[in-house]
Every structure is written in C-alpha cells, then in structure tokens.
C-alpha atoms as a PDB file:
ATOM      1  CA  UNK A   1    -153.845  -5.947  38.748  1.00  0.00           C
ATOM      2  CA  UNK A   2    -153.170  -2.211  38.349  1.00  0.00           C
ATOM      3  CA  UNK A   3    -156.418  -1.823  36.399  1.00  0.00           C
ATOM      4  CA  UNK A   4    -158.355  -3.464  39.274  1.00  0.00           C
ATOM      5  CA  UNK A   5    -156.844  -1.068  41.788  1.00  0.00           C
ATOM      6  CA  UNK A   6    -157.611   1.878  39.492  1.00  0.00           C
ATOM      7  CA  UNK A   7    -161.217   0.758  39.084  1.00  0.00           C
ATOM      8  CA  UNK A   8    -161.573   0.261  42.829  1.00  0.00           C
ATOM      9  CA  UNK A   9    -160.238   3.727  43.606  1.00  0.00           C
ATOM     10  CA  UNK A  10    -162.494   5.294  40.988  1.00  0.00           C
ATOM     11  CA  UNK A  11    -165.550   3.508  42.339  1.00  0.00           C
ATOM     12  CA  UNK A  12    -164.812   4.578  45.918  1.00  0.00           C
ATOM     13  CA  UNK A  13    -164.331   8.183  44.820  1.00  0.00           C
ATOM     14  CA  UNK A  14    -167.642   8.064  42.937  1.00  0.00           C
ATOM     15  CA  UNK A  15    -169.460   6.640  45.968  1.00  0.00           C
ATOM     16  CA  UNK A  16    -167.956   9.264  48.279  1.00  0.00           C
ATOM     17  CA  UNK A  17    -168.905  12.065  45.904  1.00  0.00           C
ATOM     18  CA  UNK A  18    -172.442  10.738  45.690  1.00  0.00           C
ATOM     19  CA  UNK A  19    -172.572  10.583  49.489  1.00  0.00           C
ATOM     20  CA  UNK A  20    -171.569  14.234  49.726  1.00  0.00           C
ATOM     21  CA  UNK A  21    -174.166  15.205  47.130  1.00  0.00           C
ATOM     22  CA  UNK A  22    -176.849  13.241  49.020  1.00  0.00           C
ATOM     23  CA  UNK A  23    -175.924  14.769  52.379  1.00  0.00           C
ATOM     24  CA  UNK A  24    -178.866  16.575  53.881  1.00  0.00           C
ATOM     25  CA  UNK A  25    -178.851  20.339  53.860  1.00  0.00           C
ATOM     26  CA  UNK A  26    -179.551  22.083  57.132  1.00  0.00           C
ATOM     27  CA  UNK A  27    -182.127  24.817  56.613  1.00  0.00           C
ATOM     28  CA  UNK A  28    -181.962  27.771  59.010  1.00  0.00           C
ATOM     29  CA  UNK A  29    -184.790  30.273  58.984  1.00  0.00           C
ATOM     30  CA  UNK A  30    -184.049  33.845  60.041  1.00  0.00           C
ATOM     31  CA  UNK A  31    -187.013  36.075  60.887  1.00  0.00           C
ATOM     32  CA  UNK A  32    -186.347  39.671  61.889  1.00  0.00           C
ATOM     33  CA  UNK A  33    -188.191  42.995  61.812  1.00  0.00           C
ATOM     34  CA  UNK A  34    -187.879  45.113  58.682  1.00  0.00           C
ATOM     35  CA  UNK A  35    -185.596  48.141  58.697  1.00  0.00           C
ATOM     36  CA  UNK A  36    -188.232  50.499  60.093  1.00  0.00           C
ATOM     37  CA  UNK A  37    -185.606  52.519  61.981  1.00  0.00           C
ATOM     38  CA  UNK A  38    -181.852  52.956  62.075  1.00  0.00           C
ATOM     39  CA  UNK A  39    -181.001  50.222  64.577  1.00  0.00           C
ATOM     40  CA  UNK A  40    -183.120  47.707  62.678  1.00  0.00           C
ATOM     41  CA  UNK A  41    -181.406  48.800  59.456  1.00  0.00           C
ATOM     42  CA  UNK A  42    -178.033  48.008  61.002  1.00  0.00           C
ATOM     43  CA  UNK A  43    -179.359  44.682  62.254  1.00  0.00           C
ATOM     44  CA  UNK A  44    -180.626  43.778  58.772  1.00  0.00           C
ATOM     45  CA  UNK A  45    -177.291  44.746  57.233  1.00  0.00           C
ATOM     46  CA  UNK A  46    -175.319  42.510  59.612  1.00  0.00           C
ATOM     47  CA  UNK A  47    -177.781  39.622  59.225  1.00  0.00           C
ATOM     48  CA  UNK A  48    -177.560  39.649  55.430  1.00  0.00           C
ATOM     49  CA  UNK A  49    -173.775  39.911  55.269  1.00  0.00           C
ATOM     50  CA  UNK A  50    -173.379  37.114  57.827  1.00  0.00           C
ATOM     51  CA  UNK A  51    -175.741  34.813  55.931  1.00  0.00           C
ATOM     52  CA  UNK A  52    -173.858  35.419  52.682  1.00  0.00           C
ATOM     53  CA  UNK A  53    -170.552  34.617  54.330  1.00  0.00           C
ATOM     54  CA  UNK A  54    -171.809  31.486  56.099  1.00  0.00           C
ATOM     55  CA  UNK A  55    -173.464  30.086  52.964  1.00  0.00           C
ATOM     56  CA  UNK A  56    -170.189  30.556  51.090  1.00  0.00           C
ATOM     57  CA  UNK A  57    -168.233  28.901  53.894  1.00  0.00           C
ATOM     58  CA  UNK A  58    -170.628  26.027  54.625  1.00  0.00           C
ATOM     59  CA  UNK A  59    -172.355  24.615  51.507  1.00  0.00           C
ATOM     60  CA  UNK A  60    -174.365  22.285  53.765  1.00  0.00           C
ATOM     61  CA  UNK A  61    -176.184  25.276  55.259  1.00  0.00           C
ATOM     62  CA  UNK A  62    -179.110  26.974  53.549  1.00  0.00           C
ATOM     63  CA  UNK A  63    -180.632  30.120  55.024  1.00  0.00           C
ATOM     64  CA  UNK A  64    -184.139  31.522  54.576  1.00  0.00           C
ATOM     65  CA  UNK A  65    -184.326  35.205  55.523  1.00  0.00           C
ATOM     66  CA  UNK A  66    -187.575  37.109  55.987  1.00  0.00           C
ATOM     67  CA  UNK A  67    -188.224  40.604  57.306  1.00  0.00           C
ATOM     68  CA  UNK A  68    -191.539  41.781  58.722  1.00  0.00           C
ATOM     69  CA  UNK A  69    -193.032  45.215  59.261  1.00  0.00           C
ATOM     70  CA  UNK A  70    -195.543  44.011  61.867  1.00  0.00           C
ATOM     71  CA  UNK A  71    -196.131  41.005  64.171  1.00  0.00           C
ATOM     72  CA  UNK A  72    -198.830  39.439  61.963  1.00  0.00           C
ATOM     73  CA  UNK A  73    -196.517  39.255  58.953  1.00  0.00           C
ATOM     74  CA  UNK A  74    -193.739  37.809  61.090  1.00  0.00           C
ATOM     75  CA  UNK A  75    -196.068  35.070  62.352  1.00  0.00           C
ATOM     76  CA  UNK A  76    -197.046  34.267  58.740  1.00  0.00           C
ATOM     77  CA  UNK A  77    -193.389  34.234  57.654  1.00  0.00           C
ATOM     78  CA  UNK A  78    -192.467  31.723  60.349  1.00  0.00           C
ATOM     79  CA  UNK A  79    -195.444  29.482  59.625  1.00  0.00           C
ATOM     80  CA  UNK A  80    -194.529  29.566  55.929  1.00  0.00           C
ATOM     81  CA  UNK A  81    -190.935  28.562  56.739  1.00  0.00           C
ATOM     82  CA  UNK A  82    -192.232  25.535  58.647  1.00  0.00           C
ATOM     83  CA  UNK A  83    -194.764  24.510  56.002  1.00  0.00           C
ATOM     84  CA  UNK A  84    -192.730  25.000  52.831  1.00  0.00           C
ATOM     85  CA  UNK A  85    -189.087  24.698  53.913  1.00  0.00           C
ATOM     86  CA  UNK A  86    -189.268  22.380  56.923  1.00  0.00           C
ATOM     87  CA  UNK A  87    -186.643  24.447  58.744  1.00  0.00           C
ATOM     88  CA  UNK A  88    -184.154  22.758  61.075  1.00  0.00           C
ATOM     89  CA  UNK A  89    -183.562  25.943  63.049  1.00  0.00           C
ATOM     90  CA  UNK A  90    -185.111  29.359  63.552  1.00  0.00           C
ATOM     91  CA  UNK A  91    -183.285  32.556  64.452  1.00  0.00           C
ATOM     92  CA  UNK A  92    -185.912  35.106  65.431  1.00  0.00           C
ATOM     93  CA  UNK A  93    -185.990  38.642  66.735  1.00  0.00           C
ATOM     94  CA  UNK A  94    -189.646  39.005  67.744  1.00  0.00           C
ATOM     95  CA  UNK A  95    -191.343  42.151  66.483  1.00  0.00           C
ATOM     96  CA  UNK A  96    -193.314  41.964  69.709  1.00  0.00           C
ATOM     97  CA  UNK A  97    -192.997  39.374  72.460  1.00  0.00           C
ATOM     98  CA  UNK A  98    -196.587  38.235  73.048  1.00  0.00           C
ATOM     99  CA  UNK A  99    -197.786  37.569  69.454  1.00  0.00           C
ATOM    100  CA  UNK A 100    -194.632  35.653  68.543  1.00  0.00           C
ATOM    101  CA  UNK A 101    -194.499  33.338  71.551  1.00  0.00           C
ATOM    102  CA  UNK A 102    -197.018  30.737  70.348  1.00  0.00           C
ATOM    103  CA  UNK A 103    -195.677  30.395  66.767  1.00  0.00           C
ATOM    104  CA  UNK A 104    -192.077  30.127  67.963  1.00  0.00           C
ATOM    105  CA  UNK A 105    -193.196  27.538  70.508  1.00  0.00           C
ATOM    106  CA  UNK A 106    -194.676  25.504  67.629  1.00  0.00           C
ATOM    107  CA  UNK A 107    -191.329  25.669  65.824  1.00  0.00           C
ATOM    108  CA  UNK A 108    -189.642  24.312  68.928  1.00  0.00           C
ATOM    109  CA  UNK A 109    -192.254  21.546  69.254  1.00  0.00           C
ATOM    110  CA  UNK A 110    -191.429  20.436  65.704  1.00  0.00           C
ATOM    111  CA  UNK A 111    -187.919  19.542  66.870  1.00  0.00           C
ATOM    112  CA  UNK A 112    -186.149  22.546  65.386  1.00  0.00           C
ATOM    113  CA  UNK A 113    -183.442  24.525  67.153  1.00  0.00           C
ATOM    114  CA  UNK A 114    -184.600  27.986  68.266  1.00  0.00           C
ATOM    115  CA  UNK A 115    -182.442  31.058  68.774  1.00  0.00           C
ATOM    116  CA  UNK A 116    -184.122  34.215  70.063  1.00  0.00           C
ATOM    117  CA  UNK A 117    -182.489  37.624  69.670  1.00  0.00           C
ATOM    118  CA  UNK A 118    -182.968  40.701  71.787  1.00  0.00           C
ATOM    119  CA  UNK A 119    -186.732  40.905  72.418  1.00  0.00           C
ATOM    120  CA  UNK A 120    -187.473  37.843  74.535  1.00  0.00           C
ATOM    121  CA  UNK A 121    -190.625  35.779  74.279  1.00  0.00           C
ATOM    122  CA  UNK A 122    -193.375  36.119  76.874  1.00  0.00           C
ATOM    123  CA  UNK A 123    -192.784  32.555  78.075  1.00  0.00           C
ATOM    124  CA  UNK A 124    -189.458  31.351  79.452  1.00  0.00           C
ATOM    125  CA  UNK A 125    -187.615  28.235  78.361  1.00  0.00           C
ATOM    126  CA  UNK A 126    -188.730  27.937  74.727  1.00  0.00           C
ATOM    127  CA  UNK A 127    -185.465  28.875  73.018  1.00  0.00           C
ATOM    128  CA  UNK A 128    -182.209  26.875  72.940  1.00  0.00           C
ATOM    129  CA  UNK A 129    -180.110  30.033  72.656  1.00  0.00           C
ATOM    130  CA  UNK A 130    -180.799  33.619  73.646  1.00  0.00           C
ATOM    131  CA  UNK A 131    -178.566  36.417  72.308  1.00  0.00           C
ATOM    132  CA  UNK A 132    -179.127  39.968  73.459  1.00  0.00           C
ATOM    133  CA  UNK A 133    -177.673  43.140  74.743  1.00  0.00           C
ATOM    134  CA  UNK A 134    -177.682  43.709  78.471  1.00  0.00           C
ATOM    135  CA  UNK A 135    -181.100  45.323  78.690  1.00  0.00           C
ATOM    136  CA  UNK A 136    -181.258  45.695  82.480  1.00  0.00           C
ATOM    137  CA  UNK A 137    -177.690  47.016  82.278  1.00  0.00           C
ATOM    138  CA  UNK A 138    -178.700  49.403  79.482  1.00  0.00           C
ATOM    139  CA  UNK A 139    -181.322  50.919  81.748  1.00  0.00           C
ATOM    140  CA  UNK A 140    -179.044  50.919  84.784  1.00  0.00           C
ATOM    141  CA  UNK A 141    -176.163  52.559  82.901  1.00  0.00           C
ATOM    142  CA  UNK A 142    -178.534  55.221  81.583  1.00  0.00           C
ATOM    143  CA  UNK A 143    -180.016  55.842  85.021  1.00  0.00           C
ATOM    144  CA  UNK A 144    -176.623  56.120  86.672  1.00  0.00           C
ATOM    145  CA  UNK A 145    -175.609  58.750  84.115  1.00  0.00           C
ATOM    146  CA  UNK A 146    -178.747  60.764  84.892  1.00  0.00           C
ATOM    147  CA  UNK A 147    -177.957  60.481  88.583  1.00  0.00           C
ATOM    148  CA  UNK A 148    -174.415  61.721  87.955  1.00  0.00           C
ATOM    149  CA  UNK A 149    -175.544  64.623  85.778  1.00  0.00           C
ATOM    150  CA  UNK A 150    -178.386  65.654  88.096  1.00  0.00           C
ATOM    151  CA  UNK A 151    -176.989  65.410  91.659  1.00  0.00           C
ATOM    152  CA  UNK A 152    -179.650  67.807  92.930  1.00  0.00           C
ATOM    153  CA  UNK A 153    -182.497  66.034  91.142  1.00  0.00           C
ATOM    154  CA  UNK A 154    -184.714  67.479  88.425  1.00  0.00           C
ATOM    155  CA  UNK A 155    -187.663  66.867  86.128  1.00  0.00           C
ATOM    156  CA  UNK A 156    -187.411  64.427  83.219  1.00  0.00           C
ATOM    157  CA  UNK A 157    -189.605  62.690  80.663  1.00  0.00           C
ATOM    158  CA  UNK A 158    -189.087  59.154  79.358  1.00  0.00           C
ATOM    159  CA  UNK A 159    -189.789  57.558  75.992  1.00  0.00           C
ATOM    160  CA  UNK A 160    -190.227  53.801  76.025  1.00  0.00           C
ATOM    161  CA  UNK A 161    -189.793  51.456  73.063  1.00  0.00           C
ATOM    162  CA  UNK A 162    -192.195  48.867  71.648  1.00  0.00           C
ATOM    163  CA  UNK A 163    -194.040  46.919  74.393  1.00  0.00           C
ATOM    164  CA  UNK A 164    -191.646  43.997  74.898  1.00  0.00           C
ATOM    165  CA  UNK A 165    -189.814  42.212  77.673  1.00  0.00           C
ATOM    166  CA  UNK A 166    -186.610  44.105  76.884  1.00  0.00           C
ATOM    167  CA  UNK A 167    -188.373  47.438  77.149  1.00  0.00           C
ATOM    168  CA  UNK A 168    -189.642  46.399  80.581  1.00  0.00           C
ATOM    169  CA  UNK A 169    -186.135  45.367  81.630  1.00  0.00           C
ATOM    170  CA  UNK A 170    -184.642  48.676  80.483  1.00  0.00           C
ATOM    171  CA  UNK A 171    -187.218  50.795  82.262  1.00  0.00           C
ATOM    172  CA  UNK A 172    -187.003  48.772  85.461  1.00  0.00           C
ATOM    173  CA  UNK A 173    -183.200  49.109  85.443  1.00  0.00           C
ATOM    174  CA  UNK A 174    -183.454  52.855  84.850  1.00  0.00           C
ATOM    175  CA  UNK A 175    -186.017  53.429  87.591  1.00  0.00           C
ATOM    176  CA  UNK A 176    -184.004  51.418  90.094  1.00  0.00           C
ATOM    177  CA  UNK A 177    -180.856  53.414  89.260  1.00  0.00           C
ATOM    178  CA  UNK A 178    -182.450  56.824  89.864  1.00  0.00           C
ATOM    179  CA  UNK A 179    -184.385  55.792  92.965  1.00  0.00           C
ATOM    180  CA  UNK A 180    -183.788  58.216  95.818  1.00  0.00           C
ATOM    181  CA  UNK A 181    -181.956  60.705  93.586  1.00  0.00           C
ATOM    182  CA  UNK A 182    -184.606  63.408  93.550  1.00  0.00           C
ATOM    183  CA  UNK A 183    -185.115  62.906  89.810  1.00  0.00           C
ATOM    184  CA  UNK A 184    -188.835  63.080  89.017  1.00  0.00           C
ATOM    185  CA  UNK A 185    -190.262  61.302  85.993  1.00  0.00           C
ATOM    186  CA  UNK A 186    -193.039  63.628  84.812  1.00  0.00           C
ATOM    187  CA  UNK A 187    -194.355  61.214  82.184  1.00  0.00           C
ATOM    188  CA  UNK A 188    -193.453  58.013  80.379  1.00  0.00           C
ATOM    189  CA  UNK A 189    -194.885  57.038  76.967  1.00  0.00           C
ATOM    190  CA  UNK A 190    -194.107  54.509  74.228  1.00  0.00           C
ATOM    191  CA  UNK A 191    -192.276  56.004  71.241  1.00  0.00           C
ATOM    192  CA  UNK A 192    -191.917  52.518  69.678  1.00  0.00           C
ATOM    193  CA  UNK A 193    -188.244  53.063  68.753  1.00  0.00           C
ATOM    194  CA  UNK A 194    -189.530  55.206  65.906  1.00  0.00           C
ATOM    195  CA  UNK A 195    -188.541  58.789  65.016  1.00  0.00           C
ATOM    196  CA  UNK A 196    -191.988  59.940  63.965  1.00  0.00           C
ATOM    197  CA  UNK A 197    -193.724  58.398  66.974  1.00  0.00           C
ATOM    198  CA  UNK A 198    -191.110  59.893  69.290  1.00  0.00           C
ATOM    199  CA  UNK A 199    -191.575  63.317  67.667  1.00  0.00           C
ATOM    200  CA  UNK A 200    -195.312  63.138  68.379  1.00  0.00           C
ATOM    201  CA  UNK A 201    -194.823  61.951  71.969  1.00  0.00           C
ATOM    202  CA  UNK A 202    -192.275  64.666  72.665  1.00  0.00           C
ATOM    203  CA  UNK A 203    -194.562  67.335  71.200  1.00  0.00           C
ATOM    204  CA  UNK A 204    -197.162  66.232  73.717  1.00  0.00           C
ATOM    205  CA  UNK A 205    -194.662  66.321  76.580  1.00  0.00           C
ATOM    206  CA  UNK A 206    -193.508  69.819  75.619  1.00  0.00           C
ATOM    207  CA  UNK A 207    -197.066  71.111  75.504  1.00  0.00           C
ATOM    208  CA  UNK A 208    -197.873  69.665  78.922  1.00  0.00           C
ATOM    209  CA  UNK A 209    -194.719  70.477  80.878  1.00  0.00           C
ATOM    210  CA  UNK A 210    -193.207  73.985  80.912  1.00  0.00           C
ATOM    211  CA  UNK A 211    -190.183  72.704  82.836  1.00  0.00           C
ATOM    212  CA  UNK A 212    -188.193  69.666  81.609  1.00  0.00           C
ATOM    213  CA  UNK A 213    -184.531  69.315  82.546  1.00  0.00           C
ATOM    214  CA  UNK A 214    -183.653  66.187  80.553  1.00  0.00           C
ATOM    215  CA  UNK A 215    -185.092  63.424  78.365  1.00  0.00           C
ATOM    216  CA  UNK A 216    -184.337  59.723  78.491  1.00  0.00           C
ATOM    217  CA  UNK A 217    -185.132  58.824  74.885  1.00  0.00           C
ATOM    218  CA  UNK A 218    -183.635  55.344  75.471  1.00  0.00           C
ATOM    219  CA  UNK A 219    -182.884  54.933  71.741  1.00  0.00           C
ATOM    220  CA  UNK A 220    -181.072  57.031  69.142  1.00  0.00           C
ATOM    221  CA  UNK A 221    -183.878  56.976  66.580  1.00  0.00           C
ATOM    222  CA  UNK A 222    -186.298  58.218  69.207  1.00  0.00           C
ATOM    223  CA  UNK A 223    -183.722  60.788  70.299  1.00  0.00           C
ATOM    224  CA  UNK A 224    -183.726  62.235  66.773  1.00  0.00           C
ATOM    225  CA  UNK A 225    -187.507  62.566  66.920  1.00  0.00           C
ATOM    226  CA  UNK A 226    -187.231  64.183  70.339  1.00  0.00           C
ATOM    227  CA  UNK A 227    -184.633  66.670  69.103  1.00  0.00           C
ATOM    228  CA  UNK A 228    -186.865  67.570  66.176  1.00  0.00           C
ATOM    229  CA  UNK A 229    -189.778  68.350  68.490  1.00  0.00           C
ATOM    230  CA  UNK A 230    -187.530  70.380  70.787  1.00  0.00           C
ATOM    231  CA  UNK A 231    -186.231  72.410  67.867  1.00  0.00           C
ATOM    232  CA  UNK A 232    -189.701  73.082  66.520  1.00  0.00           C
ATOM    233  CA  UNK A 233    -190.824  74.282  69.963  1.00  0.00           C
ATOM    234  CA  UNK A 234    -187.653  76.380  70.352  1.00  0.00           C
ATOM    235  CA  UNK A 235    -186.759  74.606  73.601  1.00  0.00           C
ATOM    236  CA  UNK A 236    -183.476  72.959  72.618  1.00  0.00           C
ATOM    237  CA  UNK A 237    -181.453  74.969  75.139  1.00  0.00           C
ATOM    238  CA  UNK A 238    -183.653  73.954  78.077  1.00  0.00           C
ATOM    239  CA  UNK A 239    -182.803  70.252  78.296  1.00  0.00           C
ATOM    240  CA  UNK A 240    -180.412  67.503  77.266  1.00  0.00           C
ATOM    241  CA  UNK A 241    -181.213  64.102  75.756  1.00  0.00           C
ATOM    242  CA  UNK A 242    -179.808  60.600  76.273  1.00  0.00           C
ATOM    243  CA  UNK A 243    -180.551  58.077  73.551  1.00  0.00           C
ATOM    244  CA  UNK A 244    -178.775  54.774  73.109  1.00  0.00           C
ATOM    245  CA  UNK A 245    -177.498  52.068  70.729  1.00  0.00           C
ATOM    246  CA  UNK A 246    -174.522  53.910  69.279  1.00  0.00           C
ATOM    247  CA  UNK A 247    -175.837  55.568  66.102  1.00  0.00           C
ATOM    248  CA  UNK A 248    -172.838  57.137  64.382  1.00  0.00           C
ATOM    249  CA  UNK A 249    -174.453  60.594  64.154  1.00  0.00           C
ATOM    250  CA  UNK A 250    -175.047  60.575  67.906  1.00  0.00           C
ATOM    251  CA  UNK A 251    -171.550  59.347  68.703  1.00  0.00           C
ATOM    252  CA  UNK A 252    -170.134  62.166  66.577  1.00  0.00           C
ATOM    253  CA  UNK A 253    -172.144  64.695  68.580  1.00  0.00           C
ATOM    254  CA  UNK A 254    -170.875  63.205  71.840  1.00  0.00           C
ATOM    255  CA  UNK A 255    -167.298  63.327  70.542  1.00  0.00           C
ATOM    256  CA  UNK A 256    -167.756  66.964  69.511  1.00  0.00           C
ATOM    257  CA  UNK A 257    -168.967  67.919  72.995  1.00  0.00           C
ATOM    258  CA  UNK A 258    -172.557  68.757  72.025  1.00  0.00           C
ATOM    259  CA  UNK A 259    -174.205  69.963  75.284  1.00  0.00           C
ATOM    260  CA  UNK A 260    -177.575  68.515  74.228  1.00  0.00           C
ATOM    261  CA  UNK A 261    -176.125  65.040  73.566  1.00  0.00           C
ATOM    262  CA  UNK A 262    -173.755  64.453  76.455  1.00  0.00           C
ATOM    263  CA  UNK A 263    -173.419  60.661  76.200  1.00  0.00           C
ATOM    264  CA  UNK A 264    -174.699  57.436  74.665  1.00  0.00           C
ATOM    265  CA  UNK A 265    -175.076  53.792  75.718  1.00  0.00           C
ATOM    266  CA  UNK A 266    -174.047  50.864  73.513  1.00  0.00           C
ATOM    267  CA  UNK A 267    -176.513  48.294  72.194  1.00  0.00           C
ATOM    268  CA  UNK A 268    -174.961  46.862  69.004  1.00  0.00           C
ATOM    269  CA  UNK A 269    -177.247  45.927  66.071  1.00  0.00           C
ATOM    270  CA  UNK A 270    -174.560  43.425  65.020  1.00  0.00           C
ATOM    271  CA  UNK A 271    -175.979  41.044  67.645  1.00  0.00           C
ATOM    272  CA  UNK A 272    -177.994  39.595  64.741  1.00  0.00           C
ATOM    273  CA  UNK A 273    -174.704  38.402  63.255  1.00  0.00           C
ATOM    274  CA  UNK A 274    -173.668  36.919  66.595  1.00  0.00           C
ATOM    275  CA  UNK A 275    -176.918  34.963  66.869  1.00  0.00           C
ATOM    276  CA  UNK A 276    -176.806  33.614  63.308  1.00  0.00           C
ATOM    277  CA  UNK A 277    -173.142  32.665  63.642  1.00  0.00           C
ATOM    278  CA  UNK A 278    -173.701  30.800  66.906  1.00  0.00           C
ATOM    279  CA  UNK A 279    -176.732  28.979  65.490  1.00  0.00           C
ATOM    280  CA  UNK A 280    -174.667  27.846  62.513  1.00  0.00           C
ATOM    281  CA  UNK A 281    -171.970  26.562  64.874  1.00  0.00           C
ATOM    282  CA  UNK A 282    -174.534  24.247  66.430  1.00  0.00           C
ATOM    283  CA  UNK A 283    -174.757  22.406  63.095  1.00  0.00           C
ATOM    284  CA  UNK A 284    -171.203  22.593  61.738  1.00  0.00           C
ATOM    285  CA  UNK A 285    -169.168  21.997  64.894  1.00  0.00           C
ATOM    286  CA  UNK A 286    -169.226  20.339  68.287  1.00  0.00           C
ATOM    287  CA  UNK A 287    -168.937  23.663  70.090  1.00  0.00           C
ATOM    288  CA  UNK A 288    -171.619  24.064  72.792  1.00  0.00           C
ATOM    289  CA  UNK A 289    -173.735  27.128  72.026  1.00  0.00           C
ATOM    290  CA  UNK A 290    -176.956  26.667  73.997  1.00  0.00           C
ATOM    291  CA  UNK A 291    -177.776  29.049  76.825  1.00  0.00           C
ATOM    292  CA  UNK A 292    -177.597  32.848  77.059  1.00  0.00           C
ATOM    293  CA  UNK A 293    -175.096  35.185  75.424  1.00  0.00           C
ATOM    294  CA  UNK A 294    -175.379  38.715  76.778  1.00  0.00           C
ATOM    295  CA  UNK A 295    -173.490  41.657  75.262  1.00  0.00           C
ATOM    296  CA  UNK A 296    -172.721  44.318  77.860  1.00  0.00           C
ATOM    297  CA  UNK A 297    -173.831  47.970  77.670  1.00  0.00           C
ATOM    298  CA  UNK A 298    -171.079  50.586  77.900  1.00  0.00           C
ATOM    299  CA  UNK A 299    -171.422  54.307  78.612  1.00  0.00           C
ATOM    300  CA  UNK A 300    -170.012  56.428  75.780  1.00  0.00           C
ATOM    301  CA  UNK A 301    -168.781  59.889  76.743  1.00  0.00           C
ATOM    302  CA  UNK A 302    -166.561  62.450  75.041  1.00  0.00           C
ATOM    303  CA  UNK A 303    -163.551  60.710  76.598  1.00  0.00           C
ATOM    304  CA  UNK A 304    -164.096  57.389  74.790  1.00  0.00           C
ATOM    305  CA  UNK A 305    -166.449  58.305  71.909  1.00  0.00           C
ATOM    306  CA  UNK A 306    -163.753  57.917  69.241  1.00  0.00           C
ATOM    307  CA  UNK A 307    -163.502  54.205  70.072  1.00  0.00           C
ATOM    308  CA  UNK A 308    -167.192  53.728  69.205  1.00  0.00           C
ATOM    309  CA  UNK A 309    -167.403  55.943  66.115  1.00  0.00           C
ATOM    310  CA  UNK A 310    -167.677  53.997  62.831  1.00  0.00           C
ATOM    311  CA  UNK A 311    -168.300  56.480  59.990  1.00  0.00           C
ATOM    312  CA  UNK A 312    -168.815  53.733  57.368  1.00  0.00           C
ATOM    313  CA  UNK A 313    -171.419  51.871  59.434  1.00  0.00           C
ATOM    314  CA  UNK A 314    -175.038  51.775  58.148  1.00  0.00           C
ATOM    315  CA  UNK A 315    -176.106  52.866  61.640  1.00  0.00           C
END
C-alpha cells in the first residue's frame, strides 16, 4: 500500500515537472535606438540591466533586444523578430515616428502586445501601453524658466531634436509658455539630439546673429555641442543655455552655480526600464498595465540640483 502511494506521488511530481518544462515561453522583443548620444546610452544601460533582472526572476520570459542606428535598421530588426522569434510582445522606442508606424502596426495586427516608449507613432491607438516623459510639460517647464529669467524679453535661438511627435510636443509647449513675454525666437533648427549636429547648427546661428541672449538647446547632448560652438566663437559670456534630461555633468554645473548653465529639466532615460517592467507585468501578473504612463518633468535649479545628481550614472 505504501509503495502504491509512493509511486503515485512520484508519477504526479513527474507529470507536474513535465508540465512546467512544456509551458510556453513568452517572448518579448525590445527595439530601441543605439547609444548615439548620452541620453540613449543611459536608456540602453537601463534596458539591458532590467532585461537581465527580469529574465533571472521570471524563467518563463525570454527577451530579444536589438538596437538600431537608423530607422531602416530598426524596421528590419522588428520584422526579423516577427519572422524568426514570433514575439508575443514588442517594446519599442521609435527612432523616428513616421517610418516605424507601419511595421509596429503589423506587430499589433499579429496579436502581439505593443508598448511604445517616448517617441510616439504617427498614428494613434496602435499601442497597448505608452510610457514617456511629459513632453508638453518639458517644453512648458523650459519656457516658463525662460520667461522668469527674461522678464523684459530678449533674443533666443532654439535647437529641436529629431523630427518626432515628442519634439513637436516639446516645441509647442515651449512656444505657448513664452507667448506674450517679449522673447523673440530668432531661428529654430533640428540638432537631432546630437552633439556634432548641434555644434554645426549653433555655429550657423552665431554667424548669422550678432545678438543672442539665450539658447534653448532642449537636450543636454545638444547643449554640449552648443557650448562648444560658443567657446570656439569666443561668445560664451554673451548668453546662457538650457538643455534638458538631467545629464550628470550638466547637473553638476547647475549645482556649482555656473552662470551659463542656470538650470535643467528632467527627462529620465530610465523610462526604458519602466516600460519593459510594465510589459513583463502584463504576462506574469494580473495587474492592469494598459494605457498611458507619463513621467513628469521637473525644473532643476541650484536649490535642488543635489537631489538629481548621480555621479555613478552612465548619463
């Protein structure tokens, strides 16, 4: 009788173990831009560390991570994920909005879950989850700081990012915030969130405009390019620069009271970790995660800079 019970228990345990082994693995594709600038480097760092931690925590999850240096490669990466890995979900930060809309829409049509980070698609309603910083708020916060610093108005130049929906939202928020302030935007050009591109754009601005009071670089990598052009033209003392995203070098300058870098605006690259984590929750828990998750933008000044300074951060 005891032997029968022992055999029965052993058989059940074997069946259960086989069931676990046969359980389907959920495959989550993650497609993000390559680390072409500091913010993207921070985003890549947080994405990789989050994937490693989640795979160790949830053996039933398998992640496929790809990074792309241009929209065409990102489209190919996503199509390859669908064809060769049959992904159950896609977490994507579009390199550019327009070229990525159709391929991501095809992923959604296949029945997969779609999470979009930061740079929205050019068509609404495709994604299940959208995770981003507060881009209109980023522009508004920046514009309000300009308005505060320039109560009598003045002449400024603006560097935009890559042509995307979030860039549009930032610029619209900024323009609305300075409306009626007497602040004149002399010129506005795309610096593509890139130091070298921003350096070139700022060189052009400096050659065209003998009087510039301030620069909205709208990104810390572009701000570094802008500062380089200002230094080369020996015009550093003529204007101040506002970047954004919380690069540690910039936060240190704010904390030290640098008159050229008076403030910063948060836009955390760790939002990639937030998006991947929430996507995983959709498959390993009953927690509702669909919808929009927006991370607010905060003005960083000398008074609170220490709170936002992370010397060991990759960005």
